[in-house]
Every structure is written in C-alpha cells, then in structure tokens.
Protein backbone atom coordinates (compact mmCIF):
# COMPACT_ATOMS: atom_id res chain seq x y z
CA MET A 1 116.02 -75.13 -102.82
CA SER A 2 118.18 -75.03 -105.79
CA ASN A 3 117.80 -77.73 -108.74
CA SER A 4 120.35 -77.62 -111.46
CA THR A 5 118.04 -80.03 -113.68
CA VAL A 6 115.23 -77.49 -113.71
CA ASN A 7 115.53 -75.14 -116.87
CA LEU A 8 113.04 -73.07 -119.08
CA LEU A 9 112.14 -76.24 -121.03
CA SER A 10 111.14 -78.39 -117.98
CA PRO A 11 107.48 -79.26 -117.73
CA TYR A 12 105.55 -77.70 -114.88
CA LYS A 13 102.18 -78.50 -113.37
CA LEU A 14 100.36 -75.43 -112.67
CA GLY A 15 97.15 -76.02 -110.96
CA PRO A 16 95.01 -78.34 -113.26
CA TYR A 17 97.30 -77.74 -116.14
CA GLU A 18 100.42 -79.47 -117.34
CA LEU A 19 102.47 -76.86 -119.01
CA PRO A 20 105.09 -78.19 -121.56
CA ASN A 21 107.68 -75.60 -120.51
CA ARG A 22 108.28 -72.78 -117.95
CA VAL A 23 108.41 -70.00 -120.37
CA VAL A 24 105.44 -67.75 -119.73
CA MET A 25 104.32 -64.85 -122.10
CA ALA A 26 103.96 -61.76 -119.73
CA PRO A 27 100.93 -59.69 -120.01
CA LEU A 28 101.81 -57.00 -122.71
CA THR A 29 99.61 -53.83 -123.53
CA ARG A 30 99.61 -53.38 -127.26
CA ASN A 31 96.76 -50.92 -127.87
CA ARG A 32 95.37 -52.73 -130.77
CA ALA A 33 91.71 -53.51 -129.82
CA GLY A 34 89.11 -52.95 -132.34
CA GLU A 35 86.12 -50.53 -131.93
CA GLY A 36 84.31 -50.62 -128.59
CA ASN A 37 87.76 -52.23 -127.30
CA VAL A 38 86.73 -55.51 -128.87
CA PRO A 39 89.40 -58.06 -129.54
CA HIS A 40 89.34 -58.75 -133.30
CA GLN A 41 91.22 -60.93 -136.03
CA LEU A 42 94.64 -59.28 -135.77
CA ASN A 43 94.68 -60.02 -132.11
CA VAL A 44 93.88 -63.74 -132.68
CA THR A 45 96.77 -63.91 -135.10
CA TYR A 46 99.12 -62.55 -132.41
CA TYR A 47 98.11 -64.71 -129.78
CA VAL A 48 98.02 -67.84 -131.86
CA GLN A 49 101.51 -67.23 -133.04
CA ARG A 50 102.67 -67.22 -129.33
CA ALA A 51 100.65 -70.47 -128.53
CA SER A 52 103.88 -72.44 -127.75
CA ALA A 53 104.36 -70.64 -124.32
CA GLY A 54 103.98 -72.52 -121.25
CA LEU A 55 101.18 -70.14 -120.45
CA ILE A 56 100.11 -66.87 -122.10
CA ILE A 57 98.90 -64.06 -119.85
CA SER A 58 96.81 -61.88 -121.84
CA GLU A 59 97.40 -58.25 -122.29
CA ALA A 60 95.77 -56.08 -119.20
CA THR A 61 92.14 -56.08 -119.99
CA GLN A 62 89.69 -53.42 -118.13
CA VAL A 63 86.90 -54.97 -115.99
CA SER A 64 84.68 -51.86 -116.57
CA PRO A 65 84.35 -48.77 -118.73
CA GLN A 66 85.61 -46.86 -115.72
CA GLY A 67 88.78 -49.17 -115.33
CA MET A 68 90.23 -47.88 -118.95
CA GLY A 69 93.21 -45.65 -118.89
CA TYR A 70 94.67 -46.20 -122.48
CA PRO A 71 93.46 -46.01 -126.02
CA SER A 72 92.44 -49.15 -127.69
CA THR A 73 93.01 -51.62 -124.68
CA PRO A 74 90.58 -54.38 -124.64
CA GLY A 75 87.62 -54.81 -122.26
CA ILE A 76 85.96 -57.95 -120.64
CA HIS A 77 82.60 -55.97 -119.60
CA SER A 78 80.47 -56.00 -122.86
CA PRO A 79 79.07 -58.89 -124.54
CA GLU A 80 81.04 -58.02 -127.81
CA GLN A 81 84.20 -58.01 -126.10
CA VAL A 82 83.51 -61.62 -124.53
CA GLU A 83 82.67 -62.72 -128.15
CA GLY A 84 85.91 -61.24 -129.45
CA TRP A 85 87.94 -62.98 -126.64
CA LYS A 86 86.26 -66.28 -127.46
CA LEU A 87 87.67 -66.17 -130.90
CA ILE A 88 91.19 -65.90 -129.34
CA THR A 89 90.77 -68.65 -126.57
CA LYS A 90 89.42 -71.10 -129.12
CA ALA A 91 92.21 -70.55 -131.61
CA VAL A 92 95.00 -70.68 -128.67
CA HIS A 93 93.35 -73.96 -127.54
CA GLU A 94 93.44 -75.45 -131.15
CA LYS A 95 97.05 -74.78 -131.23
CA GLY A 96 97.39 -76.53 -127.75
CA GLY A 97 98.15 -73.48 -125.77
CA ARG A 98 97.03 -72.13 -122.48
CA ILE A 99 95.71 -68.52 -121.71
CA PHE A 100 94.90 -66.59 -118.66
CA LEU A 101 93.04 -63.05 -118.82
CA GLN A 102 94.70 -60.26 -116.79
CA LEU A 103 92.07 -58.39 -115.11
CA TRP A 104 92.72 -54.47 -114.93
CA HIS A 105 91.31 -51.35 -113.48
CA VAL A 106 93.67 -48.30 -113.92
CA GLY A 107 92.24 -46.13 -111.15
CA ARG A 108 93.85 -42.78 -111.50
CA ILE A 109 96.11 -43.65 -114.34
CA SER A 110 93.47 -42.21 -116.66
CA HIS A 111 91.96 -39.17 -118.18
CA PRO A 112 88.42 -37.69 -118.25
CA SER A 113 88.42 -38.19 -122.04
CA LEU A 114 88.78 -42.09 -121.64
CA GLN A 115 85.97 -42.02 -118.90
CA PRO A 116 82.23 -42.52 -119.27
CA ASP A 117 80.69 -39.12 -119.55
CA GLY A 118 84.13 -37.41 -119.23
CA ALA A 119 84.02 -38.13 -115.43
CA LEU A 120 87.05 -37.92 -113.28
CA PRO A 121 89.06 -41.02 -112.88
CA VAL A 122 88.69 -42.78 -109.48
CA ALA A 123 91.46 -43.58 -106.86
CA PRO A 124 91.93 -44.42 -103.22
CA SER A 125 92.83 -40.64 -102.45
CA ALA A 126 92.52 -37.68 -104.41
CA ILE A 127 96.33 -37.44 -105.50
CA ALA A 128 97.35 -36.70 -108.94
CA PRO A 129 100.23 -38.77 -110.46
CA GLU A 130 103.14 -37.24 -112.01
CA GLY A 131 103.29 -37.29 -115.82
CA GLU A 132 100.92 -37.52 -118.60
CA ALA A 133 98.11 -39.77 -119.57
CA ASP A 134 97.88 -41.45 -122.89
CA THR A 135 94.59 -40.38 -124.68
CA TYR A 136 93.16 -40.55 -128.28
CA GLU A 137 94.21 -36.84 -128.69
CA GLY A 138 98.08 -37.52 -127.44
CA SER A 139 99.50 -36.94 -124.18
CA LYS A 140 97.78 -34.77 -121.66
CA PRO A 141 98.63 -34.03 -118.01
CA PHE A 142 97.12 -36.33 -115.43
CA VAL A 143 94.16 -34.86 -113.61
CA THR A 144 93.53 -35.18 -109.73
CA PRO A 145 91.32 -38.22 -109.43
CA ARG A 146 88.20 -38.40 -107.20
CA ALA A 147 88.51 -40.54 -104.01
CA LEU A 148 86.22 -43.62 -104.06
CA GLU A 149 83.56 -43.17 -101.24
CA THR A 150 83.72 -46.28 -98.85
CA GLU A 151 80.27 -47.29 -100.12
CA GLU A 152 81.46 -47.45 -103.58
CA ILE A 153 84.27 -50.04 -102.83
CA PRO A 154 81.91 -53.11 -103.07
CA GLY A 155 81.05 -51.94 -106.53
CA ILE A 156 84.73 -52.09 -107.61
CA VAL A 157 84.91 -55.61 -106.03
CA GLU A 158 81.97 -56.38 -108.13
CA GLN A 159 83.47 -55.18 -111.29
CA TYR A 160 86.34 -57.70 -110.64
CA ARG A 161 83.82 -60.55 -109.86
CA GLN A 162 82.04 -59.70 -113.19
CA GLY A 163 85.06 -59.71 -115.23
CA ALA A 164 86.17 -63.03 -113.87
CA GLU A 165 82.74 -64.34 -114.73
CA ASN A 166 82.95 -62.98 -118.25
CA ALA A 167 86.43 -64.31 -118.72
CA LEU A 168 85.07 -67.90 -117.72
CA ALA A 169 82.44 -67.30 -120.33
CA ALA A 170 85.19 -66.23 -122.89
CA GLY A 171 86.86 -69.60 -122.65
CA PHE A 172 89.87 -68.49 -120.75
CA ASP A 173 92.05 -71.17 -118.80
CA GLY A 174 92.19 -68.85 -115.72
CA VAL A 175 92.52 -65.21 -114.87
CA GLU A 176 95.40 -63.10 -113.19
CA ILE A 177 94.44 -60.22 -110.91
CA HIS A 178 96.49 -56.99 -111.94
CA ALA A 179 97.70 -55.62 -108.66
CA ALA A 180 100.87 -54.17 -109.80
CA ASN A 181 102.53 -51.24 -111.60
CA GLY A 182 100.60 -48.57 -110.10
CA TYR A 183 97.09 -49.36 -111.14
CA LEU A 184 94.10 -49.17 -108.72
CA LEU A 185 94.78 -52.13 -106.52
CA ASP A 186 98.42 -51.15 -106.11
CA GLN A 187 97.15 -47.57 -105.48
CA PHE A 188 95.07 -48.69 -102.35
CA LEU A 189 98.08 -51.00 -101.16
CA GLN A 190 100.76 -48.31 -100.94
CA ASP A 191 100.62 -45.36 -98.56
CA GLY A 192 102.17 -42.82 -100.98
CA THR A 193 98.88 -42.98 -102.91
CA ASN A 194 96.43 -44.18 -100.14
CA LYS A 195 95.72 -41.57 -97.55
CA ARG A 196 92.26 -43.00 -96.42
CA THR A 197 91.05 -42.70 -92.92
CA ASP A 198 88.07 -45.41 -93.28
CA GLU A 199 88.72 -49.36 -93.22
CA TYR A 200 90.68 -49.19 -96.65
CA GLY A 201 93.38 -46.84 -95.42
CA GLY A 202 96.03 -46.31 -92.80
CA SER A 203 97.50 -49.83 -91.53
CA ILE A 204 98.97 -52.14 -93.93
CA GLU A 205 96.07 -54.51 -93.13
CA ASN A 206 93.72 -51.79 -94.02
CA ARG A 207 95.30 -50.78 -97.36
CA ALA A 208 95.67 -54.57 -98.35
CA ARG A 209 91.80 -55.16 -97.84
CA LEU A 210 90.79 -54.37 -101.42
CA ILE A 211 93.39 -56.67 -102.96
CA LEU A 212 92.07 -59.49 -100.72
CA GLU A 213 88.49 -58.85 -101.24
CA VAL A 214 89.17 -58.87 -105.07
CA THR A 215 90.97 -62.14 -104.68
CA GLU A 216 88.13 -63.61 -102.74
CA ALA A 217 85.60 -62.43 -105.35
CA VAL A 218 87.61 -63.83 -108.28
CA THR A 219 88.37 -67.09 -106.69
CA SER A 220 84.68 -67.46 -106.13
CA ILE A 221 84.25 -67.69 -109.77
CA TRP A 222 87.24 -69.62 -110.74
CA GLY A 223 88.41 -71.64 -107.86
CA SER A 224 91.79 -70.58 -106.57
CA ASP A 225 93.99 -73.19 -108.72
CA ARG A 226 92.93 -71.17 -111.74
CA VAL A 227 93.70 -67.61 -110.26
CA GLY A 228 96.96 -65.78 -110.39
CA ILE A 229 97.82 -62.35 -108.93
CA ARG A 230 100.73 -60.07 -110.07
CA LEU A 231 102.50 -57.56 -107.71
CA SER A 232 105.43 -54.98 -108.29
CA PRO A 233 106.86 -54.74 -104.76
CA SER A 234 109.96 -52.82 -106.14
CA GLY A 235 107.91 -50.66 -108.92
CA THR A 236 107.98 -46.76 -109.17
CA PHE A 237 106.16 -46.97 -112.49
CA ASN A 238 103.20 -44.60 -112.55
CA ASP A 239 104.63 -42.51 -109.51
CA MET A 240 104.32 -45.23 -106.82
CA HIS A 241 106.13 -45.09 -103.41
CA ASP A 242 105.32 -46.51 -100.06
CA SER A 243 107.24 -45.78 -96.73
CA ASP A 244 108.08 -49.60 -95.99
CA ARG A 245 107.56 -51.67 -98.90
CA GLY A 246 109.17 -54.76 -97.34
CA ALA A 247 106.48 -54.81 -94.73
CA THR A 248 103.63 -53.82 -97.05
CA PHE A 249 104.33 -56.50 -99.49
CA SER A 250 105.43 -59.15 -97.05
CA TYR A 251 102.18 -58.81 -95.43
CA VAL A 252 100.30 -59.04 -98.67
CA VAL A 253 102.18 -62.05 -99.83
CA LYS A 254 101.67 -64.13 -96.59
CA ALA A 255 97.96 -62.98 -96.63
CA LEU A 256 97.73 -64.68 -100.01
CA ASN A 257 98.91 -68.21 -98.89
CA PRO A 258 95.69 -69.12 -97.59
CA PHE A 259 94.17 -68.69 -101.11
CA ASP A 260 96.32 -71.48 -102.52
CA LEU A 261 96.45 -69.58 -105.85
CA ALA A 262 97.74 -71.01 -109.25
CA TYR A 263 100.67 -68.45 -108.83
CA LEU A 264 102.12 -65.38 -107.63
CA HIS A 265 103.72 -63.19 -110.47
CA LEU A 266 106.34 -60.87 -109.21
CA VAL A 267 107.67 -57.99 -111.49
CA GLU A 268 111.48 -57.98 -110.43
CA PRO A 269 113.38 -55.00 -109.57
CA ARG A 270 116.16 -55.46 -112.00
CA ALA A 271 116.42 -54.97 -115.83
CA ASP A 272 120.19 -54.68 -116.19
CA ASP A 273 122.99 -57.17 -117.33
CA ASN A 274 124.82 -57.32 -114.10
CA PHE A 275 122.73 -59.96 -112.62
CA THR A 276 123.26 -62.47 -109.98
CA PRO A 277 120.25 -64.54 -108.88
CA GLY A 278 118.97 -63.19 -105.42
CA GLU A 279 120.85 -59.90 -105.69
CA SER A 280 119.29 -56.64 -105.91
CA SER A 281 120.16 -53.13 -104.84
CA ASN A 282 116.93 -51.36 -105.49
CA GLY A 283 114.08 -53.59 -104.33
CA PHE A 284 112.67 -56.95 -103.45
CA PRO A 285 113.26 -59.81 -105.98
CA SER A 286 111.34 -63.11 -106.04
CA SER A 287 114.08 -64.59 -103.72
CA PHE A 288 112.93 -62.35 -100.87
CA PHE A 289 109.51 -63.66 -101.05
CA ARG A 290 110.11 -67.16 -101.68
CA PRO A 291 110.54 -68.14 -97.96
CA ILE A 292 107.26 -66.52 -97.09
CA TYR A 293 105.17 -67.79 -100.09
CA ASN A 294 103.93 -71.36 -100.28
CA GLY A 295 103.08 -71.57 -103.94
CA THR A 296 104.19 -71.26 -107.47
CA ILE A 297 106.25 -68.04 -108.38
CA ILE A 298 106.46 -66.42 -111.69
CA SER A 299 109.21 -64.02 -112.00
CA ALA A 300 109.37 -61.28 -114.66
CA GLY A 301 112.50 -59.33 -114.92
CA GLY A 302 113.52 -58.63 -118.40
CA TYR A 303 115.65 -61.79 -118.33
CA ASP A 304 117.52 -63.53 -121.22
CA ARG A 305 117.49 -67.26 -121.66
CA GLU A 306 120.62 -67.65 -119.51
CA GLN A 307 119.04 -65.62 -116.62
CA GLY A 308 115.91 -67.44 -116.60
CA ASN A 309 117.60 -70.60 -116.28
CA GLN A 310 119.61 -69.34 -113.51
CA VAL A 311 116.37 -68.14 -111.52
CA LEU A 312 114.80 -71.48 -112.00
CA ALA A 313 118.04 -73.39 -111.20
CA ALA A 314 118.42 -71.21 -107.97
CA GLY A 315 115.00 -72.22 -107.05
CA GLU A 316 113.67 -68.53 -106.79
CA ALA A 317 111.07 -69.00 -109.27
CA ASP A 318 109.10 -71.69 -110.85
CA LEU A 319 108.38 -69.95 -114.00
CA VAL A 320 109.77 -67.10 -116.06
CA ALA A 321 107.92 -64.52 -117.85
CA TYR A 322 109.13 -62.85 -120.89
CA GLY A 323 107.60 -59.57 -122.40
CA ARG A 324 109.84 -57.91 -125.03
CA LEU A 325 111.34 -61.09 -126.20
CA PHE A 326 107.94 -62.75 -126.68
CA ILE A 327 107.10 -59.45 -128.69
CA ALA A 328 109.72 -60.07 -131.14
CA ASN A 329 109.98 -63.92 -131.01
CA PRO A 330 106.71 -65.60 -131.47
CA ASP A 331 108.37 -69.03 -131.29
CA LEU A 332 110.55 -68.12 -128.26
CA PRO A 333 110.36 -71.69 -126.56
CA GLN A 334 111.98 -73.06 -129.61
CA ARG A 335 114.37 -70.57 -129.94
CA PHE A 336 115.51 -71.12 -126.22
CA ALA A 337 115.56 -74.89 -127.10
CA LEU A 338 118.00 -74.26 -129.84
CA ASN A 339 119.85 -71.57 -128.24
CA ALA A 340 118.98 -69.80 -131.73
CA GLU A 341 119.62 -66.03 -132.53
CA LEU A 342 116.59 -63.93 -131.22
CA ASN A 343 114.80 -61.18 -133.26
CA LYS A 344 115.26 -57.61 -131.98
CA PRO A 345 112.22 -56.10 -130.68
CA ASP A 346 111.09 -52.52 -132.48
CA ARG A 347 110.13 -50.57 -129.59
CA SER A 348 108.41 -47.98 -131.92
CA THR A 349 105.57 -50.45 -132.64
CA PHE A 350 105.07 -51.53 -129.13
CA TYR A 351 101.98 -49.41 -128.46
CA GLY A 352 99.28 -48.93 -131.24
CA GLY A 353 99.40 -49.57 -135.09
CA ASP A 354 98.70 -52.54 -137.31
CA GLU A 355 100.46 -55.89 -137.79
CA LYS A 356 103.73 -53.96 -138.31
CA GLY A 357 105.93 -54.98 -135.21
CA TYR A 358 102.91 -56.91 -134.02
CA THR A 359 102.16 -59.97 -136.17
CA ASP A 360 105.16 -59.67 -138.64
CA TYR A 361 108.02 -60.87 -136.75
CA PRO A 362 109.52 -63.92 -138.37
CA PHE A 363 109.59 -67.41 -137.15
CA LEU A 364 112.78 -69.59 -137.21
CA ASP A 365 111.69 -71.74 -140.09
CA GLN A 366 110.79 -68.53 -142.13
CA GLN A 367 114.31 -67.23 -141.46
CA ALA A 368 115.97 -70.49 -142.46
CA SER A 369 113.92 -70.71 -145.93
C-alpha cells in the first residue's frame, strides 16, 4: 500500500517505542573494541554522536568467544563487556536515542587464531568458504570448519539466549538476531553451506530450524516486540549460495510471522544508482516479502535520501537503514531534513583504527561555523 505522505522523517511506532523518524543506523562492524573485546569510551562517543537516528542497531556483537571472527569486535558474553555496553546505552538514552544490540555468531567465517585454544571454527558442515579470514596477523586463508554435532546445537541456542539476557542487563532497548551475510544462522539456512543429514539439514524446514529455535530463545528473554531479525535473501557475501533462495527465504519469513517480532530487517540486493522501487534483476527485495510478512520491515540497500523516501512511499518498507552515510554523517536525520550536503565516507578508516574516520566527521553546525 503506497502512501506518499510517509517519508524518512515521519514518526513510527516500533513495538513499545515511538521513533521520531524512520532513519535507522544499520549495524556496522568497525573493529574498535578495547582489550577483551570490551566497548570503551571511544565507542561511547561514536554511538552518542548518532543518537538522533530513529533507531540505532549496534555493530555485530559475538554471543560467545567461539562466535568471534574478526579482530577487535565487541562481545556480549563477559561481565566486562556488559559493563562496557552499559556506558553506551546510558549515554545514548541520555541523548534521547534508542539502541538495539545485534547478536552474532560467525560460524565458519573465523580462524583458529581467533578461537579459544586455537580450535577450528564451527559450522553446519565441514565446508571451507572461499577467501581469507581477517586475523590479528593479517589475512589468512579460511580453514575447513568443524561440523557441529547434533547434541552441540542446543548449546549454540543457549549462547544466543545468554547473549540476549546480557543485552537486557546492559540496558539495551531490544536485540536483533543476525541471521544474514553468511554467518552461522545463514550457513544453517542455505543448502550451499548446509549438507547435514540430521534434523538441522536437508529440507528447508530442517535448515530453518536453528533460526527459529534461536528466535524462540531470544524472545523468551525480551518478549517479541523488542526483538528484530536480519536476513540477506540475495546475499552472496562470505561465499553463500542456495539452490532455491525464493523458496528458502519465503519459508523463513512466513515462519517468523507468528512471533510478531519488532521487525524484519532485509539486506536488499541492490547497491547501484539505477533504482526503481520493487525492481531487482539479481535477487529478492523487500517488495518480494511484503505480501507474505505481516509486520514491520526495515530495508537496507545503500539508499540515498530520495531512494529511501521512495521505498517508504511505495509501502515496501516501514523504516530504512543507512550504513556508510551514518558513518560519515553523525547527524544524518538533520541533514535529510534540510536536504543538506553530506560528508563523504572514508573507506580506508571503516575497519579498525582510532578516532580518525570514526568520531571526527563534522556535524552540520560545525561545518557552518
């Protein structure tokens, strides 16, 4: 249903929250956690600068030491990490913002040097991804992961449940289950990475089982109206493929309906400028799922202001997530409101480093002075 009066600056009721706008800060890995993967003061500054977002979704945050796949990414499994995140949630709330934590387990997208006791990364099946892992010693070829035993899988579900509980203790407003971009839950879902013969492999129902069990566990802590989930139905990142994406992802999206979640967050197939809402040559945009999903949809597609407004006006999504534009423009909603010029993101500072390219992008009022 199209509604030309709805735009990025329209308020929105998301579960129990009244969002002042529909501009969501996308989850963005920045590799700047402190020692022990603990959030620290630099991270506080970064998130507070962006508190005018309708909703902030935190960077992907590992639910266990086993879930880690990149240097200096924060966790939500130790008491010190919970305390570090408390500093962030408190500061964001003092600025009037809302922040969800993204719960993450990378599965095979890791390396023994990042794993406890140098163990092999775990996955649904022992299939190495193409490409290289990011480690503290630089890039190294991915190793063949260890296939999880059936009896280990409840322990994986428990890692997410505990992560959700820790996020509650850390003062977040909700959590997002990361089931996208070729990480563990996505690896279970797609048949290119899941060759299991137990109840977690084979049919779509079996491959979707882990995602739904994790969703059940996380909503048992938070209630469903403060839990979102992220899927990437068109994504090939991290060497992902499936023999029938349309059927696989349609099944999952329909199976999520009864949970009545806060939102479904979809990574769009497009990142180009030849953009028409609902059109895609290479995948499954939010318009494909809109007829089969009953709840709120967040679309993340590398949109600019005009494209974001088009998606909302066309009724294909309710909220729009911005990544690179939020990295470079801490006051993005204000810039959209004024149709002001945007700072350009510096890609070389996206991953790792200090305040350069992290907390030093100017606000509009700083540029004017």
